[in-house]
Amino acid sequence: ARPLARATMWSGMLQHNHGVVDNYTGDNLDLDWIAPRYLRDAGYSTALVGKFITDWKWRYEPPHFDEFAVFQGGYTDARFMVRHRGDEKTRTERAPYTTDWIAEKVNTFIDGFEARDDQPWFMQVAPHAPHQEQTAPGPDSCNLQKMYTWPERYDSAPIPPWKPTPAEQIEGGPNGKAE
């Protein structure tokens, strides 16, 4: 989810109310009034795995999470700030391929939640994928090999044809572009 979507989910407010309107306004979100705080206050165990707030740059630990593994984004060789329940301080871990690493960390946290089956839990998972790596449309803007990077083991994975539903079909406007 984009930073404004995470801010909307956590705060319950729309972007014109929480103030996170792009990748550079994450600090506008009042972190004292987000859902993980209320869940934690109500006795839930809370965890966050993946992206926190865009442009956060490790300036502080994500508040209201008992454990976390958070990063700024990216597909390969990404640095994560990690704290498991009971850890005295955070540590840094590197993820060779973030989607796989996040999946492993999610499973680790779930195993920990199951060990405490008398306590309800909440976990937010926010991977980097899918993000287009190009910044502007061009002749290769639909070339998957140039838009995304992934381990070679996925190069031969079949990609099924897209079959849009009527809700997904968009008619062209006066210039032949989607309205």
N, C-alpha and C. Protein backbone atom coordinates (compact mmCIF):
# COMPACT_ATOMS: atom_id res chain seq x y z
N ALA A 1 0.84 -1.18 0.00
CA ALA A 1 0.00 0.00 0.00
C ALA A 1 0.87 1.23 0.00
N ARG A 2 0.41 2.23 -0.67
CA ARG A 2 1.13 3.49 -0.71
C ARG A 2 1.10 4.13 0.68
N PRO A 3 2.02 5.09 0.94
CA PRO A 3 2.08 5.68 2.28
C PRO A 3 0.75 6.29 2.69
N LEU A 4 0.03 6.91 1.77
CA LEU A 4 -1.23 7.51 2.17
C LEU A 4 -2.26 6.44 2.46
N ALA A 5 -2.17 5.27 1.81
CA ALA A 5 -3.10 4.17 2.12
C ALA A 5 -2.81 3.61 3.50
N ARG A 6 -1.52 3.43 3.86
CA ARG A 6 -1.19 2.96 5.21
C ARG A 6 -1.66 3.98 6.24
N ALA A 7 -1.46 5.25 5.97
CA ALA A 7 -1.90 6.29 6.89
C ALA A 7 -3.43 6.25 7.03
N THR A 8 -4.13 6.01 5.95
CA THR A 8 -5.59 5.93 5.99
C THR A 8 -6.05 4.71 6.79
N MET A 9 -5.42 3.57 6.54
CA MET A 9 -5.80 2.36 7.28
C MET A 9 -5.53 2.51 8.77
N TRP A 10 -4.38 3.06 9.14
CA TRP A 10 -4.01 3.18 10.54
C TRP A 10 -4.81 4.24 11.28
N SER A 11 -5.12 5.35 10.60
CA SER A 11 -5.80 6.45 11.28
C SER A 11 -7.32 6.40 11.15
N GLY A 12 -7.82 5.73 10.12
CA GLY A 12 -9.25 5.73 9.86
C GLY A 12 -9.72 7.02 9.22
N MET A 13 -8.78 7.85 8.79
CA MET A 13 -9.13 9.14 8.18
C MET A 13 -8.69 9.15 6.72
N LEU A 14 -9.32 9.99 5.93
CA LEU A 14 -8.91 10.20 4.55
C LEU A 14 -7.73 11.15 4.52
N GLN A 15 -7.01 11.16 3.39
CA GLN A 15 -5.75 11.90 3.32
C GLN A 15 -5.90 13.39 3.59
N HIS A 16 -7.02 14.00 3.24
CA HIS A 16 -7.16 15.43 3.52
C HIS A 16 -7.29 15.69 5.02
N ASN A 17 -7.54 14.63 5.80
CA ASN A 17 -7.60 14.78 7.26
C ASN A 17 -6.31 14.35 7.95
N HIS A 18 -5.67 13.27 7.49
CA HIS A 18 -4.43 12.85 8.15
C HIS A 18 -3.20 13.54 7.59
N GLY A 19 -3.29 14.15 6.41
CA GLY A 19 -2.21 14.98 5.89
C GLY A 19 -1.11 14.26 5.14
N VAL A 20 -1.17 12.94 5.01
CA VAL A 20 -0.15 12.22 4.24
C VAL A 20 -0.67 12.13 2.80
N VAL A 21 -0.11 12.98 1.95
CA VAL A 21 -0.64 13.09 0.59
C VAL A 21 0.34 12.61 -0.48
N ASP A 22 1.57 12.30 -0.09
CA ASP A 22 2.55 11.82 -1.06
C ASP A 22 3.68 11.10 -0.30
N ASN A 23 4.75 10.77 -1.00
CA ASN A 23 5.86 10.03 -0.39
C ASN A 23 6.70 10.86 0.58
N TYR A 24 6.43 12.14 0.70
CA TYR A 24 7.28 13.01 1.50
C TYR A 24 6.56 13.66 2.67
N THR A 25 5.32 13.24 2.94
CA THR A 25 4.56 13.87 4.02
C THR A 25 4.16 12.87 5.09
N GLY A 26 4.88 11.77 5.21
CA GLY A 26 4.57 10.75 6.21
C GLY A 26 4.61 11.27 7.63
N ASP A 27 5.44 12.27 7.88
CA ASP A 27 5.52 12.83 9.23
C ASP A 27 4.25 13.58 9.63
N ASN A 28 3.37 13.84 8.68
CA ASN A 28 2.10 14.50 9.03
C ASN A 28 1.17 13.59 9.82
N LEU A 29 1.37 12.29 9.71
CA LEU A 29 0.50 11.35 10.42
C LEU A 29 0.81 11.40 11.91
N ASP A 30 -0.20 11.64 12.71
CA ASP A 30 -0.04 11.67 14.16
C ASP A 30 -0.02 10.22 14.66
N LEU A 31 1.16 9.71 14.93
CA LEU A 31 1.33 8.30 15.29
C LEU A 31 0.79 7.96 16.68
N ASP A 32 0.40 8.97 17.44
CA ASP A 32 -0.21 8.70 18.74
C ASP A 32 -1.68 8.28 18.61
N TRP A 33 -2.24 8.45 17.41
CA TRP A 33 -3.67 8.19 17.21
C TRP A 33 -3.89 7.23 16.05
N ILE A 34 -3.17 6.12 16.06
CA ILE A 34 -3.35 5.12 14.99
C ILE A 34 -3.86 3.81 15.59
N ALA A 35 -4.49 3.02 14.76
CA ALA A 35 -5.14 1.78 15.21
C ALA A 35 -4.20 0.86 15.99
N PRO A 36 -2.94 0.65 15.58
CA PRO A 36 -2.10 -0.23 16.38
C PRO A 36 -1.97 0.21 17.84
N ARG A 37 -2.03 1.50 18.09
CA ARG A 37 -1.98 1.98 19.48
C ARG A 37 -3.19 1.48 20.27
N TYR A 38 -4.36 1.62 19.68
CA TYR A 38 -5.59 1.22 20.37
C TYR A 38 -5.65 -0.29 20.55
N LEU A 39 -5.19 -1.03 19.56
CA LEU A 39 -5.16 -2.49 19.68
C LEU A 39 -4.20 -2.91 20.78
N ARG A 40 -3.03 -2.30 20.81
CA ARG A 40 -2.05 -2.63 21.84
C ARG A 40 -2.58 -2.26 23.22
N ASP A 41 -3.21 -1.09 23.32
CA ASP A 41 -3.80 -0.67 24.60
C ASP A 41 -4.89 -1.63 25.06
N ALA A 42 -5.56 -2.29 24.10
CA ALA A 42 -6.64 -3.23 24.43
C ALA A 42 -6.12 -4.64 24.71
N GLY A 43 -4.80 -4.82 24.70
CA GLY A 43 -4.23 -6.11 25.04
C GLY A 43 -3.75 -6.95 23.88
N TYR A 44 -3.83 -6.42 22.68
CA TYR A 44 -3.34 -7.16 21.52
C TYR A 44 -1.82 -7.12 21.47
N SER A 45 -1.24 -8.17 20.91
CA SER A 45 0.16 -8.17 20.54
C SER A 45 0.21 -7.61 19.12
N THR A 46 1.10 -6.66 18.85
CA THR A 46 1.12 -6.00 17.55
C THR A 46 2.46 -6.19 16.86
N ALA A 47 2.42 -6.30 15.53
CA ALA A 47 3.63 -6.45 14.74
C ALA A 47 3.47 -5.73 13.41
N LEU A 48 4.59 -5.30 12.88
CA LEU A 48 4.65 -4.66 11.56
C LEU A 48 5.80 -5.28 10.81
N VAL A 49 5.52 -5.75 9.59
CA VAL A 49 6.56 -6.32 8.74
C VAL A 49 6.46 -5.65 7.38
N GLY A 50 7.55 -5.02 6.95
CA GLY A 50 7.57 -4.37 5.64
C GLY A 50 7.77 -2.87 5.77
N LYS A 51 7.10 -2.14 4.88
CA LYS A 51 7.27 -0.69 4.85
C LYS A 51 6.51 -0.04 6.00
N PHE A 52 7.14 0.97 6.56
CA PHE A 52 6.51 1.75 7.64
C PHE A 52 5.97 3.02 7.00
N ILE A 53 6.61 4.12 7.15
CA ILE A 53 6.19 5.39 6.56
C ILE A 53 7.27 5.80 5.57
N THR A 54 6.89 6.10 4.35
CA THR A 54 7.85 6.50 3.34
C THR A 54 8.56 7.78 3.78
N ASP A 55 9.84 7.85 3.52
CA ASP A 55 10.71 8.96 3.87
C ASP A 55 10.97 9.04 5.38
N TRP A 56 10.74 7.94 6.08
CA TRP A 56 10.98 7.84 7.52
C TRP A 56 12.47 7.71 7.80
N LYS A 57 13.18 6.95 7.00
CA LYS A 57 14.64 6.81 7.04
C LYS A 57 15.21 6.47 8.41
N TRP A 58 14.58 5.56 9.11
CA TRP A 58 15.09 4.99 10.37
C TRP A 58 15.33 6.04 11.44
N ARG A 59 14.60 7.13 11.45
CA ARG A 59 14.81 8.18 12.44
C ARG A 59 14.33 7.79 13.83
N TYR A 60 13.42 6.81 13.94
CA TYR A 60 12.89 6.36 15.22
C TYR A 60 12.26 4.99 15.03
N GLU A 61 12.02 4.30 16.12
CA GLU A 61 11.35 3.00 16.05
C GLU A 61 9.86 3.22 15.80
N PRO A 62 9.25 2.37 14.98
CA PRO A 62 7.80 2.49 14.78
C PRO A 62 7.07 2.31 16.12
N PRO A 63 6.27 3.29 16.53
CA PRO A 63 5.60 3.18 17.83
C PRO A 63 4.40 2.23 17.78
N HIS A 64 4.06 1.70 18.92
CA HIS A 64 2.86 0.88 19.14
C HIS A 64 2.95 -0.52 18.53
N PHE A 65 4.15 -0.97 18.22
CA PHE A 65 4.34 -2.33 17.72
C PHE A 65 5.26 -3.07 18.68
N ASP A 66 4.81 -4.24 19.15
CA ASP A 66 5.63 -5.04 20.06
C ASP A 66 6.85 -5.60 19.35
N GLU A 67 6.68 -5.91 18.08
CA GLU A 67 7.80 -6.40 17.28
C GLU A 67 7.63 -5.90 15.86
N PHE A 68 8.76 -5.76 15.18
CA PHE A 68 8.70 -5.24 13.82
C PHE A 68 9.93 -5.64 13.04
N ALA A 69 9.79 -5.59 11.72
CA ALA A 69 10.88 -5.74 10.76
C ALA A 69 10.51 -4.78 9.63
N VAL A 70 11.08 -3.59 9.68
CA VAL A 70 10.64 -2.51 8.79
C VAL A 70 11.78 -1.99 7.94
N PHE A 71 11.42 -1.45 6.77
CA PHE A 71 12.42 -0.93 5.85
C PHE A 71 11.84 0.20 5.02
N GLN A 72 12.69 0.83 4.22
CA GLN A 72 12.28 1.93 3.36
C GLN A 72 11.75 1.46 2.02
N GLY A 73 11.99 0.22 1.66
CA GLY A 73 11.54 -0.30 0.37
C GLY A 73 12.70 -0.83 -0.43
N GLY A 74 12.39 -1.41 -1.56
CA GLY A 74 13.38 -2.00 -2.44
C GLY A 74 13.19 -3.50 -2.55
N TYR A 75 13.71 -4.05 -3.62
CA TYR A 75 13.56 -5.48 -3.87
C TYR A 75 14.73 -6.31 -3.38
N THR A 76 15.95 -5.82 -3.57
CA THR A 76 17.11 -6.64 -3.25
C THR A 76 18.06 -5.91 -2.31
N ASP A 77 18.75 -6.70 -1.48
CA ASP A 77 19.77 -6.22 -0.56
C ASP A 77 19.28 -5.02 0.26
N ALA A 78 18.09 -5.14 0.82
CA ALA A 78 17.51 -4.05 1.60
C ALA A 78 17.83 -4.21 3.08
N ARG A 79 18.00 -3.09 3.74
CA ARG A 79 18.29 -3.07 5.17
C ARG A 79 16.98 -2.94 5.95
N PHE A 80 16.81 -3.78 6.96
CA PHE A 80 15.62 -3.78 7.81
C PHE A 80 16.01 -3.44 9.24
N MET A 81 15.17 -2.67 9.91
CA MET A 81 15.27 -2.45 11.35
C MET A 81 14.37 -3.52 11.98
N VAL A 82 14.93 -4.33 12.88
CA VAL A 82 14.21 -5.50 13.41
C VAL A 82 14.24 -5.49 14.94
N ARG A 83 13.10 -5.78 15.52
CA ARG A 83 13.03 -6.03 16.95
C ARG A 83 11.98 -7.10 17.19
N HIS A 84 12.39 -8.19 17.80
CA HIS A 84 11.48 -9.26 18.20
C HIS A 84 11.01 -8.98 19.63
N ARG A 85 9.89 -9.56 19.98
CA ARG A 85 9.36 -9.41 21.34
C ARG A 85 10.45 -9.84 22.33
N GLY A 86 10.68 -9.03 23.33
CA GLY A 86 11.68 -9.34 24.35
C GLY A 86 13.06 -8.81 24.06
N ASP A 87 13.33 -8.36 22.83
CA ASP A 87 14.65 -7.79 22.52
C ASP A 87 14.83 -6.48 23.27
N GLU A 88 16.03 -6.25 23.77
CA GLU A 88 16.34 -5.01 24.46
C GLU A 88 16.45 -3.83 23.50
N LYS A 89 16.99 -4.09 22.31
CA LYS A 89 17.16 -3.01 21.33
C LYS A 89 16.99 -3.56 19.92
N THR A 90 16.92 -2.65 18.98
CA THR A 90 16.75 -3.06 17.58
C THR A 90 18.09 -3.50 17.00
N ARG A 91 17.99 -4.23 15.91
CA ARG A 91 19.18 -4.63 15.17
C ARG A 91 18.90 -4.45 13.68
N THR A 92 19.93 -4.54 12.89
CA THR A 92 19.80 -4.43 11.44
C THR A 92 19.96 -5.81 10.82
N GLU A 93 19.09 -6.12 9.87
CA GLU A 93 19.22 -7.35 9.08
C GLU A 93 19.11 -6.97 7.62
N ARG A 94 19.80 -7.70 6.77
CA ARG A 94 19.76 -7.48 5.32
C ARG A 94 18.92 -8.57 4.67
N ALA A 95 18.14 -8.18 3.68
CA ALA A 95 17.29 -9.11 2.95
C ALA A 95 17.79 -9.22 1.52
N PRO A 96 18.25 -10.41 1.10
CA PRO A 96 18.70 -10.56 -0.28
C PRO A 96 17.58 -10.25 -1.28
N TYR A 97 16.39 -10.80 -1.03
CA TYR A 97 15.20 -10.50 -1.85
C TYR A 97 14.07 -10.25 -0.87
N THR A 98 13.58 -9.03 -0.80
CA THR A 98 12.71 -8.61 0.29
C THR A 98 11.38 -9.36 0.36
N THR A 99 10.80 -9.73 -0.77
CA THR A 99 9.50 -10.40 -0.72
C THR A 99 9.62 -11.75 -0.01
N ASP A 100 10.66 -12.51 -0.33
CA ASP A 100 10.87 -13.80 0.35
C ASP A 100 11.22 -13.59 1.82
N TRP A 101 12.06 -12.60 2.12
CA TRP A 101 12.49 -12.34 3.48
C TRP A 101 11.31 -11.92 4.35
N ILE A 102 10.46 -11.05 3.81
CA ILE A 102 9.27 -10.61 4.54
C ILE A 102 8.37 -11.80 4.84
N ALA A 103 8.19 -12.70 3.87
CA ALA A 103 7.35 -13.89 4.10
C ALA A 103 7.90 -14.73 5.25
N GLU A 104 9.22 -14.91 5.29
CA GLU A 104 9.83 -15.69 6.37
C GLU A 104 9.63 -15.00 7.72
N LYS A 105 9.79 -13.67 7.76
CA LYS A 105 9.63 -12.94 9.01
C LYS A 105 8.17 -12.99 9.48
N VAL A 106 7.23 -12.88 8.56
CA VAL A 106 5.81 -12.99 8.91
C VAL A 106 5.54 -14.34 9.57
N ASN A 107 6.07 -15.41 8.99
CA ASN A 107 5.87 -16.74 9.57
C ASN A 107 6.49 -16.85 10.96
N THR A 108 7.65 -16.23 11.16
CA THR A 108 8.28 -16.23 12.48
C THR A 108 7.39 -15.53 13.50
N PHE A 109 6.86 -14.37 13.14
CA PHE A 109 6.00 -13.64 14.06
C PHE A 109 4.71 -14.41 14.34
N ILE A 110 4.13 -15.02 13.31
CA ILE A 110 2.90 -15.80 13.51
C ILE A 110 3.16 -16.96 14.47
N ASP A 111 4.30 -17.64 14.30
CA ASP A 111 4.64 -18.72 15.23
C ASP A 111 4.70 -18.21 16.67
N GLY A 112 5.23 -17.00 16.84
CA GLY A 112 5.29 -16.41 18.18
C GLY A 112 3.91 -16.09 18.72
N PHE A 113 3.02 -15.62 17.85
CA PHE A 113 1.65 -15.33 18.27
C PHE A 113 0.94 -16.61 18.70
N GLU A 114 1.15 -17.69 17.95
CA GLU A 114 0.51 -18.96 18.27
C GLU A 114 0.98 -19.51 19.60
N ALA A 115 2.22 -19.22 19.97
CA ALA A 115 2.74 -19.68 21.26
C ALA A 115 2.05 -18.97 22.42
N ARG A 116 1.49 -17.80 22.15
CA ARG A 116 0.75 -17.03 23.16
C ARG A 116 -0.73 -17.04 22.78
N ASP A 117 -1.32 -18.20 22.69
CA ASP A 117 -2.68 -18.33 22.15
C ASP A 117 -3.75 -17.68 23.01
N ASP A 118 -3.40 -17.21 24.19
CA ASP A 118 -4.38 -16.54 25.04
C ASP A 118 -4.46 -15.04 24.75
N GLN A 119 -3.61 -14.53 23.84
CA GLN A 119 -3.58 -13.10 23.55
C GLN A 119 -3.94 -12.86 22.08
N PRO A 120 -4.89 -11.95 21.82
CA PRO A 120 -5.19 -11.62 20.42
C PRO A 120 -4.02 -10.87 19.81
N TRP A 121 -3.94 -10.90 18.48
CA TRP A 121 -2.82 -10.22 17.83
C TRP A 121 -3.25 -9.52 16.55
N PHE A 122 -2.43 -8.56 16.16
CA PHE A 122 -2.61 -7.79 14.93
C PHE A 122 -1.25 -7.67 14.27
N MET A 123 -1.21 -7.93 12.95
CA MET A 123 0.04 -7.74 12.21
C MET A 123 -0.27 -7.04 10.89
N GLN A 124 0.46 -5.98 10.61
CA GLN A 124 0.40 -5.27 9.33
C GLN A 124 1.56 -5.78 8.49
N VAL A 125 1.28 -6.20 7.25
CA VAL A 125 2.31 -6.66 6.33
C VAL A 125 2.28 -5.74 5.12
N ALA A 126 3.41 -5.09 4.83
CA ALA A 126 3.47 -4.11 3.74
C ALA A 126 4.75 -4.33 2.93
N PRO A 127 4.73 -5.28 1.99
CA PRO A 127 5.92 -5.52 1.16
C PRO A 127 6.13 -4.40 0.15
N HIS A 128 7.30 -4.36 -0.42
CA HIS A 128 7.61 -3.38 -1.47
C HIS A 128 6.86 -3.74 -2.76
N ALA A 129 6.80 -5.01 -3.07
CA ALA A 129 6.18 -5.46 -4.33
C ALA A 129 4.68 -5.22 -4.29
N PRO A 130 4.07 -4.90 -5.40
CA PRO A 130 4.70 -4.59 -6.69
C PRO A 130 4.92 -3.09 -6.85
N HIS A 131 6.10 -2.71 -7.27
CA HIS A 131 6.41 -1.33 -7.61
C HIS A 131 7.09 -1.33 -8.97
N GLN A 132 6.70 -0.43 -9.82
CA GLN A 132 7.36 -0.28 -11.10
C GLN A 132 8.65 0.49 -10.86
N GLU A 133 9.75 -0.02 -11.39
CA GLU A 133 11.04 0.61 -11.14
C GLU A 133 11.29 1.80 -12.05
N GLN A 134 10.56 1.93 -13.16
CA GLN A 134 10.75 3.08 -14.03
C GLN A 134 10.04 4.29 -13.45
N THR A 135 10.56 5.46 -13.73
CA THR A 135 9.95 6.67 -13.21
C THR A 135 9.05 7.36 -14.23
N ALA A 136 9.19 7.06 -15.50
CA ALA A 136 8.36 7.70 -16.52
C ALA A 136 7.99 6.70 -17.60
N PRO A 137 6.82 6.88 -18.22
CA PRO A 137 6.44 5.97 -19.30
C PRO A 137 7.39 6.12 -20.47
N GLY A 138 7.56 5.07 -21.20
CA GLY A 138 8.43 5.10 -22.37
C GLY A 138 8.18 3.86 -23.21
N PRO A 139 9.04 3.62 -24.18
CA PRO A 139 8.82 2.48 -25.08
C PRO A 139 8.87 1.13 -24.35
N ASP A 140 9.54 1.07 -23.22
CA ASP A 140 9.64 -0.18 -22.47
C ASP A 140 8.77 -0.16 -21.21
N SER A 141 7.81 0.75 -21.11
CA SER A 141 7.07 0.89 -19.87
C SER A 141 6.19 -0.32 -19.56
N CYS A 142 5.98 -1.20 -20.50
CA CYS A 142 5.20 -2.42 -20.23
C CYS A 142 6.08 -3.67 -20.31
N ASN A 143 7.39 -3.50 -20.40
CA ASN A 143 8.31 -4.62 -20.45
C ASN A 143 8.59 -5.07 -19.01
N LEU A 144 8.01 -6.21 -18.61
CA LEU A 144 8.15 -6.66 -17.24
C LEU A 144 9.60 -6.85 -16.83
N GLN A 145 10.46 -7.31 -17.76
CA GLN A 145 11.86 -7.54 -17.42
C GLN A 145 12.55 -6.23 -17.07
N LYS A 146 12.12 -5.11 -17.64
CA LYS A 146 12.74 -3.82 -17.34
C LYS A 146 12.04 -3.08 -16.22
N MET A 147 10.76 -3.39 -15.99
CA MET A 147 10.01 -2.71 -14.95
C MET A 147 10.36 -3.24 -13.57
N TYR A 148 10.60 -4.54 -13.45
CA TYR A 148 10.78 -5.16 -12.15
C TYR A 148 12.06 -5.98 -12.13
N THR A 149 12.63 -6.12 -10.94
CA THR A 149 13.75 -7.01 -10.77
C THR A 149 13.31 -8.12 -9.83
N TRP A 150 13.75 -9.33 -10.10
CA TRP A 150 13.43 -10.47 -9.25
C TRP A 150 14.48 -11.54 -9.47
N PRO A 151 14.55 -12.50 -8.60
CA PRO A 151 15.56 -13.56 -8.76
C PRO A 151 15.34 -14.33 -10.06
N GLU A 152 16.43 -14.77 -10.65
CA GLU A 152 16.37 -15.50 -11.92
C GLU A 152 15.46 -16.71 -11.86
N ARG A 153 15.30 -17.32 -10.67
CA ARG A 153 14.48 -18.52 -10.59
C ARG A 153 13.04 -18.27 -11.02
N TYR A 154 12.61 -17.00 -11.05
CA TYR A 154 11.25 -16.68 -11.47
C TYR A 154 11.15 -16.29 -12.95
N ASP A 155 12.28 -16.24 -13.67
CA ASP A 155 12.25 -15.80 -15.07
C ASP A 155 11.37 -16.68 -15.95
N SER A 156 11.31 -17.96 -15.68
CA SER A 156 10.52 -18.85 -16.55
C SER A 156 9.11 -19.07 -16.02
N ALA A 157 8.71 -18.38 -14.96
CA ALA A 157 7.36 -18.55 -14.42
C ALA A 157 6.36 -17.99 -15.43
N PRO A 158 5.33 -18.77 -15.74
CA PRO A 158 4.36 -18.29 -16.73
C PRO A 158 3.52 -17.13 -16.16
N ILE A 159 3.24 -16.19 -17.01
CA ILE A 159 2.37 -15.06 -16.65
C ILE A 159 1.07 -15.25 -17.41
N PRO A 160 -0.03 -15.48 -16.70
CA PRO A 160 -1.29 -15.72 -17.39
C PRO A 160 -1.77 -14.46 -18.10
N PRO A 161 -2.52 -14.64 -19.19
CA PRO A 161 -3.05 -13.45 -19.87
C PRO A 161 -4.05 -12.72 -18.99
N TRP A 162 -4.09 -11.43 -19.14
CA TRP A 162 -5.02 -10.61 -18.36
C TRP A 162 -6.37 -10.64 -19.04
N LYS A 163 -7.38 -10.98 -18.27
CA LYS A 163 -8.74 -11.02 -18.79
C LYS A 163 -9.58 -10.09 -17.91
N PRO A 164 -9.76 -8.85 -18.35
CA PRO A 164 -10.45 -7.89 -17.51
C PRO A 164 -11.93 -8.21 -17.33
N THR A 165 -12.43 -7.90 -16.16
CA THR A 165 -13.86 -8.00 -15.91
C THR A 165 -14.50 -6.71 -16.41
N PRO A 166 -15.81 -6.66 -16.57
CA PRO A 166 -16.43 -5.40 -17.01
C PRO A 166 -16.09 -4.23 -16.10
N ALA A 167 -15.89 -4.47 -14.82
CA ALA A 167 -15.55 -3.38 -13.90
C ALA A 167 -14.16 -2.83 -14.16
N GLU A 168 -13.29 -3.63 -14.79
CA GLU A 168 -11.92 -3.19 -15.04
C GLU A 168 -11.73 -2.58 -16.41
N GLN A 169 -12.70 -2.70 -17.29
CA GLN A 169 -12.55 -2.17 -18.64
C GLN A 169 -12.74 -0.67 -18.64
N ILE A 170 -11.85 0.01 -19.31
CA ILE A 170 -11.90 1.47 -19.39
C ILE A 170 -11.96 1.85 -20.86
N GLU A 171 -12.90 2.69 -21.21
CA GLU A 171 -12.99 3.15 -22.58
C GLU A 171 -12.07 4.33 -22.79
N GLY A 172 -11.54 4.46 -24.01
CA GLY A 172 -10.65 5.57 -24.32
C GLY A 172 -11.38 6.88 -24.41
N GLY A 173 -10.69 7.95 -24.06
CA GLY A 173 -11.26 9.29 -24.14
C GLY A 173 -11.03 9.90 -25.50
N PRO A 174 -11.19 11.19 -25.61
CA PRO A 174 -11.06 11.84 -26.91
C PRO A 174 -9.67 11.70 -27.51
N ASN A 175 -8.66 11.52 -26.69
CA ASN A 175 -7.29 11.35 -27.19
C ASN A 175 -6.85 9.90 -27.19
N GLY A 176 -7.81 8.97 -27.00
CA GLY A 176 -7.47 7.56 -26.98
C GLY A 176 -6.80 7.13 -25.69
N LYS A 177 -6.82 7.98 -24.67
CA LYS A 177 -6.22 7.63 -23.39
C LYS A 177 -7.31 7.33 -22.39
N ALA A 178 -6.97 6.59 -21.36
CA ALA A 178 -7.95 6.26 -20.32
C ALA A 178 -8.39 7.53 -19.62
N GLU A 179 -9.66 7.65 -19.40
CA GLU A 179 -10.20 8.83 -18.71
C GLU A 179 -10.03 8.66 -17.22
